[in-house]
Amino acid sequence: MSDTIGGCCRFVFTLGLTALFMWLSLRTSNPKCSIEKFYLPSLNKTLNTPNDTTLNLTLKLSNPNKDKGIKYDPVNVTVFDYSNRSHVIGNVLVPAFYQGHKKNAKKDGTGTANTTVALQAVADNGTGVFRVDLSTSVKFKIMFWYTKRHRIRVGADVTVNASGIKVNKKGIKLKSMAPPRMGSFCVVMGALANLLAFSLLNFW
């Protein structure tokens, strides 16, 4: 009887560990995104170029996964005049690309800005706070196959000075605009709990 109980416990424990290791190997972490450079020449009072419609920025995209690559769809960046996204100032599109394990990529982008909206959004001293949102879809490469597409939507407020340049010298991290998902963890833990309960019921 004791051998049967011990064998059942070892089986359930081994199965649980196997499921846990599989979940850990398949679990993915979304890329980390930040704004490294941001420049609106139309706001630069020293140049006096209010009709310059250029919008320049540099993105940093980091893959935190040790053994998974990331395939990006085109990355769309939208700049708004205020945090509440009242009006669109401009868009920048970064072409699709692939990123290897634990790699970082800096992508320069240039778009066309609505100078009228941009100038209206700044204070009397020439400074302003703009909203920058990034959206794309990614697929994770695990060994020789890709996962389904995952939607990425992140954003942050960017403060610029009277020269139209980002005030913060460090990169501004873009934070997720979607609620955290616990689905994968809950599925694994639920399956383990059900398996354990089923095994105990059959035993008794």
Protein backbone atom coordinates (compact mmCIF):
# COMPACT_ATOMS: atom_id res chain seq x y z
CA MET A 1 0.00 0.00 0.00
CA SER A 2 2.78 2.40 0.92
CA ASP A 3 4.59 1.60 -2.35
CA THR A 4 1.42 2.51 -4.27
CA ILE A 5 1.08 5.80 -2.41
CA GLY A 6 4.75 6.61 -2.95
CA GLY A 7 4.55 5.79 -6.65
CA CYS A 8 1.47 7.95 -7.10
CA CYS A 9 3.09 10.90 -5.32
CA ARG A 10 6.27 10.57 -7.36
CA PHE A 11 4.24 10.45 -10.58
CA VAL A 12 2.25 13.56 -9.69
CA PHE A 13 5.39 15.40 -8.56
CA THR A 14 7.29 14.50 -11.74
CA LEU A 15 4.36 15.49 -13.94
CA GLY A 16 4.04 18.80 -12.08
CA LEU A 17 7.72 19.60 -12.51
CA THR A 18 7.56 18.72 -16.20
CA ALA A 19 4.60 21.06 -16.71
CA LEU A 20 6.38 23.83 -14.78
CA PHE A 21 9.58 23.50 -16.83
CA MET A 22 7.59 23.53 -20.07
CA TRP A 23 5.79 26.70 -19.00
CA LEU A 24 9.06 28.38 -18.05
CA SER A 25 10.64 27.46 -21.40
CA LEU A 26 7.66 28.73 -23.41
CA ARG A 27 7.03 31.87 -21.36
CA THR A 28 7.88 35.07 -23.21
CA SER A 29 8.68 38.60 -22.07
CA ASN A 30 7.62 41.58 -24.15
CA PRO A 31 10.33 43.86 -25.55
CA LYS A 32 11.31 46.95 -23.58
CA CYS A 33 10.83 50.20 -25.48
CA SER A 34 12.13 53.70 -24.80
CA ILE A 35 12.48 57.10 -26.48
CA GLU A 36 16.18 57.98 -26.68
CA LYS A 37 15.93 61.14 -28.81
CA PHE A 38 13.04 63.45 -29.68
CA TYR A 39 13.26 66.64 -31.73
CA LEU A 40 10.71 69.03 -33.25
CA PRO A 41 12.67 71.68 -35.19
CA SER A 42 9.57 73.87 -35.53
CA LEU A 43 9.76 74.57 -31.77
CA ASN A 44 13.40 75.67 -31.87
CA LYS A 45 13.25 79.42 -31.22
CA THR A 46 16.95 79.86 -31.85
CA LEU A 47 16.50 78.69 -35.46
CA ASN A 48 13.20 80.48 -36.06
CA THR A 49 11.87 77.67 -38.29
CA PRO A 50 8.13 77.46 -37.46
CA ASN A 51 7.38 76.00 -40.90
CA ASP A 52 9.76 73.06 -40.52
CA THR A 53 7.45 70.01 -40.54
CA THR A 54 10.12 67.51 -39.53
CA LEU A 55 9.64 65.15 -36.59
CA ASN A 56 12.75 63.21 -35.53
CA LEU A 57 13.07 60.53 -32.89
CA THR A 58 15.18 57.53 -31.93
CA LEU A 59 13.69 54.39 -30.41
CA LYS A 60 15.50 51.80 -28.32
CA LEU A 61 14.00 48.31 -28.44
CA SER A 62 15.43 45.64 -26.16
CA ASN A 63 14.78 41.89 -26.22
CA PRO A 64 14.96 40.61 -22.60
CA ASN A 65 14.53 36.95 -23.60
CA LYS A 66 17.63 34.78 -23.27
CA ASP A 67 16.61 32.12 -25.78
CA LYS A 68 13.86 33.69 -27.90
CA GLY A 69 14.10 36.03 -30.86
CA ILE A 70 11.51 38.70 -31.68
CA LYS A 71 10.09 39.45 -35.10
CA TYR A 72 8.56 42.93 -35.20
CA ASP A 73 5.82 44.09 -37.53
CA PRO A 74 6.18 47.74 -38.62
CA VAL A 75 6.46 49.91 -35.50
CA ASN A 76 4.08 52.88 -35.50
CA VAL A 77 4.82 55.88 -33.25
CA THR A 78 2.17 58.57 -32.80
CA VAL A 79 2.86 61.93 -31.17
CA PHE A 80 -0.01 63.87 -29.59
CA ASP A 81 -0.14 67.44 -28.32
CA TYR A 82 -1.18 66.58 -24.76
CA SER A 83 -1.35 63.58 -22.44
CA ASN A 84 -5.09 63.27 -23.14
CA ARG A 85 -4.33 62.85 -26.86
CA SER A 86 -6.39 65.84 -28.00
CA HIS A 87 -4.75 66.18 -31.44
CA VAL A 88 -2.21 64.24 -33.45
CA ILE A 89 1.05 66.08 -34.18
CA GLY A 90 2.61 63.43 -36.35
CA ASN A 91 3.49 59.79 -37.00
CA VAL A 92 6.74 57.92 -37.47
CA LEU A 93 6.86 54.42 -38.99
CA VAL A 94 9.80 52.08 -38.38
CA PRO A 95 10.03 49.15 -40.86
CA ALA A 96 9.62 45.56 -39.68
CA PHE A 97 12.75 43.79 -38.44
CA TYR A 98 14.03 40.77 -36.50
CA GLN A 99 15.86 40.97 -33.18
CA GLY A 100 18.03 38.19 -31.74
CA HIS A 101 18.27 36.89 -28.17
CA LYS A 102 19.15 39.55 -25.56
CA LYS A 103 19.83 42.11 -28.30
CA ASN A 104 19.26 45.87 -28.32
CA ALA A 105 18.33 47.92 -31.36
CA LYS A 106 18.23 51.66 -31.92
CA LYS A 107 15.94 52.80 -34.71
CA ASP A 108 15.92 56.34 -36.08
CA GLY A 109 12.64 57.58 -37.49
CA THR A 110 11.52 60.70 -39.33
CA GLY A 111 7.95 61.85 -39.88
CA THR A 112 5.93 64.90 -40.79
CA ALA A 113 4.66 67.09 -37.96
CA ASN A 114 1.64 69.37 -37.80
CA THR A 115 3.53 72.51 -36.81
CA THR A 116 0.36 74.48 -36.01
CA VAL A 117 -0.76 71.93 -33.41
CA ALA A 118 2.77 71.60 -32.02
CA LEU A 119 3.21 75.36 -31.54
CA GLN A 120 -0.19 75.68 -29.89
CA ALA A 121 0.72 72.99 -27.36
CA VAL A 122 3.80 74.70 -25.92
CA ALA A 123 3.87 77.17 -23.05
CA ASP A 124 4.94 80.81 -23.29
CA ASN A 125 8.50 79.86 -22.39
CA GLY A 126 8.62 77.41 -25.31
CA THR A 127 8.49 74.18 -23.32
CA GLY A 128 5.85 71.53 -23.83
CA VAL A 129 4.72 68.06 -22.78
CA PHE A 130 3.77 65.68 -25.57
CA ARG A 131 2.33 62.20 -25.52
CA VAL A 132 4.20 59.52 -27.47
CA ASP A 133 2.46 56.19 -28.12
CA LEU A 134 3.99 53.14 -29.78
CA SER A 135 2.07 50.24 -31.26
CA THR A 136 3.19 47.10 -33.08
CA SER A 137 2.74 43.34 -33.12
CA VAL A 138 5.49 40.82 -32.45
CA LYS A 139 6.06 37.11 -32.87
CA PHE A 140 8.52 35.25 -30.66
CA LYS A 141 10.87 32.75 -32.24
CA ILE A 142 11.35 29.68 -30.07
CA MET A 143 13.94 27.37 -31.64
CA PHE A 144 12.62 26.84 -35.20
CA TRP A 145 9.04 28.09 -34.93
CA TYR A 146 7.19 31.33 -34.21
CA THR A 147 4.40 32.02 -31.73
CA LYS A 148 1.21 33.78 -32.69
CA ARG A 149 1.28 37.59 -32.89
CA HIS A 150 1.20 39.56 -29.66
CA ARG A 151 -0.03 43.16 -29.66
CA ILE A 152 2.29 45.74 -28.07
CA ARG A 153 0.89 49.12 -27.00
CA VAL A 154 3.11 51.36 -24.86
CA GLY A 155 3.44 55.08 -24.29
CA ALA A 156 4.85 57.92 -22.17
CA ASP A 157 4.85 61.70 -21.80
CA VAL A 158 7.87 63.51 -23.25
CA THR A 159 8.86 67.00 -22.07
CA VAL A 160 10.69 69.19 -24.59
CA ASN A 161 12.55 72.45 -24.06
CA ALA A 162 12.45 75.70 -26.05
CA SER A 163 14.76 74.12 -28.62
CA GLY A 164 12.23 71.37 -29.33
CA ILE A 165 14.54 68.72 -27.83
CA LYS A 166 13.67 66.13 -25.19
CA VAL A 167 14.60 67.50 -21.75
CA ASN A 168 15.46 64.19 -20.10
CA LYS A 169 18.91 63.15 -21.30
CA LYS A 170 18.22 59.52 -20.40
CA GLY A 171 15.86 57.33 -22.36
CA ILE A 172 12.17 57.61 -21.46
CA LYS A 173 10.67 54.18 -20.87
CA LEU A 174 7.41 53.53 -22.68
CA LYS A 175 4.99 51.75 -20.35
CA SER A 176 2.29 49.28 -21.29
CA MET A 177 -1.23 50.64 -21.79
CA ALA A 178 -2.80 47.18 -21.42
CA PRO A 179 -3.75 45.46 -18.13
CA PRO A 180 -1.33 42.75 -16.93
CA ARG A 181 -2.13 39.24 -18.06
CA MET A 182 -1.94 36.27 -15.72
CA GLY A 183 -3.61 33.83 -18.08
CA SER A 184 -0.66 31.52 -18.76
CA PHE A 185 0.30 31.20 -15.11
CA CYS A 186 -3.29 30.55 -14.06
CA VAL A 187 -3.74 27.89 -16.74
CA VAL A 188 -0.63 26.01 -15.63
CA MET A 189 -1.43 26.20 -11.93
CA GLY A 190 -5.05 25.26 -12.57
CA ALA A 191 -4.01 22.25 -14.61
CA LEU A 192 -1.62 21.10 -11.89
CA ALA A 193 -4.29 21.49 -9.21
CA ASN A 194 -6.85 19.56 -11.27
CA LEU A 195 -4.34 16.81 -12.00
CA LEU A 196 -3.47 16.45 -8.34
CA ALA A 197 -7.12 16.38 -7.30
CA PHE A 198 -7.97 13.83 -10.01
CA SER A 199 -5.08 11.56 -8.97
CA LEU A 200 -6.05 11.69 -5.30
CA LEU A 201 -9.70 10.94 -6.05
CA ASN A 202 -8.76 7.93 -8.16
CA PHE A 203 -6.42 6.70 -5.48
CA TRP A 204 -9.01 6.91 -2.74
